[in-house]
Protein backbone atom coordinates (compact mmCIF):
# COMPACT_ATOMS: atom_id res chain seq x y z
CA UNK A 1 120.48 90.35 116.10
CA UNK A 2 118.82 87.21 116.88
CA UNK A 3 115.18 86.14 115.88
CA UNK A 4 113.90 85.84 119.58
CA UNK A 5 113.29 89.64 119.22
CA UNK A 6 110.10 88.70 117.35
CA UNK A 7 107.48 86.42 118.23
CA UNK A 8 106.16 83.72 115.74
CA UNK A 9 106.03 84.05 112.06
CA UNK A 10 103.26 84.29 109.60
CA UNK A 11 102.94 81.78 106.91
CA UNK A 12 105.57 82.64 104.04
CA UNK A 13 108.08 83.33 106.86
CA UNK A 14 106.86 86.77 107.82
CA UNK A 15 107.05 88.43 111.31
CA UNK A 16 103.77 89.55 112.91
CA UNK A 17 102.85 93.04 113.80
CA UNK A 18 100.50 96.04 113.63
CA UNK A 19 100.86 99.44 111.91
CA UNK A 20 101.03 102.07 114.42
CA UNK A 21 101.55 105.23 112.34
CA UNK A 22 101.28 105.95 108.62
CA UNK A 23 101.78 109.46 107.24
CA UNK A 24 100.74 109.48 103.60
CA UNK A 25 102.22 113.10 102.92
CA UNK A 26 105.85 111.83 103.83
CA UNK A 27 105.34 108.25 102.66
CA UNK A 28 106.68 107.17 106.18
CA UNK A 29 105.30 104.90 108.85
CA UNK A 30 106.26 102.59 111.84
CA UNK A 31 104.86 99.16 112.52
CA UNK A 32 105.20 97.17 115.98
CA UNK A 33 106.24 93.63 116.06
CA UNK A 34 104.15 91.29 118.37
CA UNK A 35 107.10 91.40 120.79
CA UNK A 36 106.92 95.20 121.05
CA UNK A 37 109.79 96.62 118.85
CA UNK A 38 108.86 99.41 116.58
CA UNK A 39 110.44 99.19 113.12
CA UNK A 40 110.16 102.31 110.67
CA UNK A 41 109.40 101.82 106.91
CA UNK A 42 109.51 104.40 104.19
CA UNK A 43 108.28 104.35 100.42
CA UNK A 44 109.82 103.60 98.07
CA UNK A 45 112.07 101.48 99.94
CA UNK A 46 109.22 99.20 101.31
CA UNK A 47 107.32 96.86 98.91
CA UNK A 48 103.64 95.86 99.83
CA UNK A 49 102.88 92.40 98.86
CA UNK A 50 99.85 92.26 96.51
CA UNK A 51 100.06 95.86 95.45
CA UNK A 52 99.66 96.87 91.65
CA UNK A 53 103.08 98.16 90.15
CA UNK A 54 103.50 101.69 89.53
CA UNK A 55 102.78 105.04 90.96
CA UNK A 56 104.59 107.04 93.82
CA UNK A 57 103.86 104.64 96.63
CA UNK A 58 102.43 101.38 95.30
CA UNK A 59 100.35 99.61 97.99
CA UNK A 60 100.15 102.48 100.61
CA UNK A 61 96.19 102.50 100.02
CA UNK A 62 96.24 98.82 101.13
CA UNK A 63 97.85 99.99 104.72
CA UNK A 64 96.00 101.54 107.61
CA UNK A 65 96.93 102.34 111.24
CA UNK A 66 95.75 99.49 113.45
CA UNK A 67 95.98 96.98 110.63
CA UNK A 68 97.40 93.57 111.27
CA UNK A 69 100.44 92.78 108.74
CA UNK A 70 103.21 90.30 108.21
CA UNK A 71 106.58 91.94 107.52
CA UNK A 72 110.16 91.25 106.73
CA UNK A 73 113.02 93.41 107.85
CA UNK A 74 116.50 94.45 106.55
CA UNK A 75 119.23 96.86 107.47
CA UNK A 76 119.69 100.54 106.32
CA UNK A 77 122.24 103.21 107.42
CA UNK A 78 119.70 104.10 109.92
CA UNK A 79 119.36 100.78 111.43
CA UNK A 80 116.64 98.11 111.29
CA UNK A 81 113.77 98.85 108.72
CA UNK A 82 110.76 96.99 107.16
CA UNK A 83 111.55 95.92 103.75
CA UNK A 84 108.36 94.14 102.94
CA UNK A 85 104.83 94.34 104.20
CA UNK A 86 102.02 91.76 103.79
CA UNK A 87 98.58 93.23 104.68
CA UNK A 88 96.28 90.41 106.04
């Protein structure tokens, strides 16, 4: 996959996007890149920059539907997933 799928990056080399769904019960969510691609994330397989350590889903309280975020991606057995989220 090439980087042209995503638009510009945030400082610190993060892609830009917005959180479009977040289920606090299942600890799963989706974000949409500025280019329109939807990317899933799931705790504990995603880390939130600036979140305190420990707990069941550290940093989930910093995320909200509609929030602008920076993110990084990786590959899992199910395809492309967000691996790191940086709230703005």
